[in-house]
Structures are given as structure tokens and as C-alpha cells.
Protein backbone atom coordinates (compact mmCIF):
# COMPACT_ATOMS: atom_id res chain seq x y z
CA UNK A 1 152.86 106.85 -12.54
CA UNK A 2 155.65 104.94 -14.20
CA UNK A 3 154.01 101.66 -15.16
CA UNK A 4 157.28 100.28 -16.52
CA UNK A 5 158.54 99.80 -12.95
CA UNK A 6 156.98 97.17 -10.64
CA UNK A 7 156.63 99.56 -7.66
CA UNK A 8 154.77 102.13 -9.80
CA UNK A 9 156.67 105.28 -8.69
CA UNK A 10 154.76 108.55 -8.90
CA UNK A 11 156.04 111.68 -10.65
CA UNK A 12 154.86 115.25 -11.07
CA UNK A 13 155.96 117.98 -13.45
CA UNK A 14 155.22 121.67 -13.52
CA UNK A 15 153.81 122.96 -16.79
CA UNK A 16 154.28 126.37 -18.27
CA UNK A 17 158.04 126.61 -18.31
CA UNK A 18 158.33 125.46 -21.93
CA UNK A 19 159.49 121.97 -20.97
CA UNK A 20 158.63 119.17 -18.56
CA UNK A 21 160.99 118.20 -15.76
CA UNK A 22 159.46 115.22 -14.04
CA UNK A 23 160.18 114.96 -10.32
CA UNK A 24 159.63 111.69 -8.48
CA UNK A 25 157.38 112.40 -5.50
CA UNK A 26 156.90 108.84 -4.31
CA UNK A 27 158.86 105.63 -4.69
CA UNK A 28 155.71 103.55 -5.17
CA UNK A 29 151.97 103.76 -5.54
CA UNK A 30 151.58 102.31 -2.04
CA UNK A 31 153.87 104.96 -0.52
CA UNK A 32 152.00 107.67 -2.43
CA UNK A 33 148.63 106.50 -1.12
CA UNK A 34 149.98 106.30 2.43
CA UNK A 35 151.47 109.80 2.06
CA UNK A 36 148.09 111.10 0.87
CA UNK A 37 146.42 109.46 3.88
CA UNK A 38 148.89 111.26 6.17
CA UNK A 39 148.14 114.53 4.35
CA UNK A 40 144.42 113.93 4.81
CA UNK A 41 144.88 113.42 8.56
CA UNK A 42 146.99 116.58 8.78
CA UNK A 43 144.34 118.52 6.84
CA UNK A 44 141.51 117.67 9.24
CA UNK A 45 140.09 120.93 10.53
CA UNK A 46 142.04 122.89 7.92
CA UNK A 47 139.89 122.46 4.82
CA UNK A 48 139.47 126.14 3.95
CA UNK A 49 141.28 129.42 4.67
CA UNK A 50 138.93 130.26 7.56
CA UNK A 51 139.55 126.87 9.20
CA UNK A 52 143.29 127.16 8.60
CA UNK A 53 143.32 130.58 10.27
CA UNK A 54 141.56 129.10 13.29
CA UNK A 55 143.77 125.99 13.32
CA UNK A 56 147.13 126.90 11.73
CA UNK A 57 149.68 124.22 10.95
CA UNK A 58 152.48 124.44 13.50
CA UNK A 59 156.14 123.75 12.70
CA UNK A 60 156.18 120.54 14.74
CA UNK A 61 153.24 119.07 12.79
CA UNK A 62 154.77 120.17 9.47
CA UNK A 63 158.11 118.58 10.35
CA UNK A 64 156.47 115.37 11.58
CA UNK A 65 154.47 115.07 8.35
CA UNK A 66 157.53 115.60 6.14
CA UNK A 67 159.52 113.08 8.19
CA UNK A 68 156.68 110.54 7.83
CA UNK A 69 156.54 111.05 4.05
CA UNK A 70 160.31 110.67 3.87
CA UNK A 71 160.13 107.46 5.89
CA UNK A 72 157.31 106.06 3.73
CA UNK A 73 159.51 106.72 0.71
CA UNK A 74 162.57 105.06 2.24
CA UNK A 75 164.35 108.42 2.41
CA UNK A 76 165.01 108.14 -1.33
CA UNK A 77 163.62 111.46 -2.48
CA UNK A 78 163.22 115.12 -1.69
CA UNK A 79 160.07 116.17 0.15
CA UNK A 80 159.93 119.51 -1.69
CA UNK A 81 156.66 118.59 -3.45
CA UNK A 82 155.02 117.66 -0.15
CA UNK A 83 156.37 120.79 1.54
CA UNK A 84 154.96 122.95 -1.28
CA UNK A 85 151.62 121.15 -0.92
CA UNK A 86 151.49 122.33 2.70
CA UNK A 87 151.98 125.91 1.54
CA UNK A 88 148.81 125.61 -0.55
């Protein structure tokens, strides 16, 4: 979280590549929390590999989730983090 900005944007960075490349994954703390709430709703009934096999995530649900995250973030960032999160 970048506390120097009023909206408190959220960043992530992969470790292990010898350097940190921070990627903004949400334009604000509020948008991040709303995106997590959407992810939680999407995850219902898919909390473990057995459940996911019984209730796989279809393309329409995946696309709708990514569009919602994009909308929550005012279409100002890539949804690659959120897409990777769906891959588990």
C-alpha cells in the first residue's frame, strides 16, 4: 500500500528474480477490498481442489470477474494479477 497517496493504491511484487518490480493491482484500498469481496463470492464452492473439480470456473464467470475488477479500478490497470489469482 502506498501511504503517500490519498487513495492508498495497492501494489504487489514477485520475489526471487533478484529485484523487485512493483505492479499496481488496485487504484485504491477501497477498490482492492471490493475486488477481494468479488473474489470471495466467485470462490464460494471452490475452496479446495476437490470442490473446484466439482464446480469449475467457467469462462463467462472468469470474464465477468475480471471486468468487474477492471471497473472497480476505473480501467486504469492490467488485470493480470487477478487473472493469475484465478489460476491458483
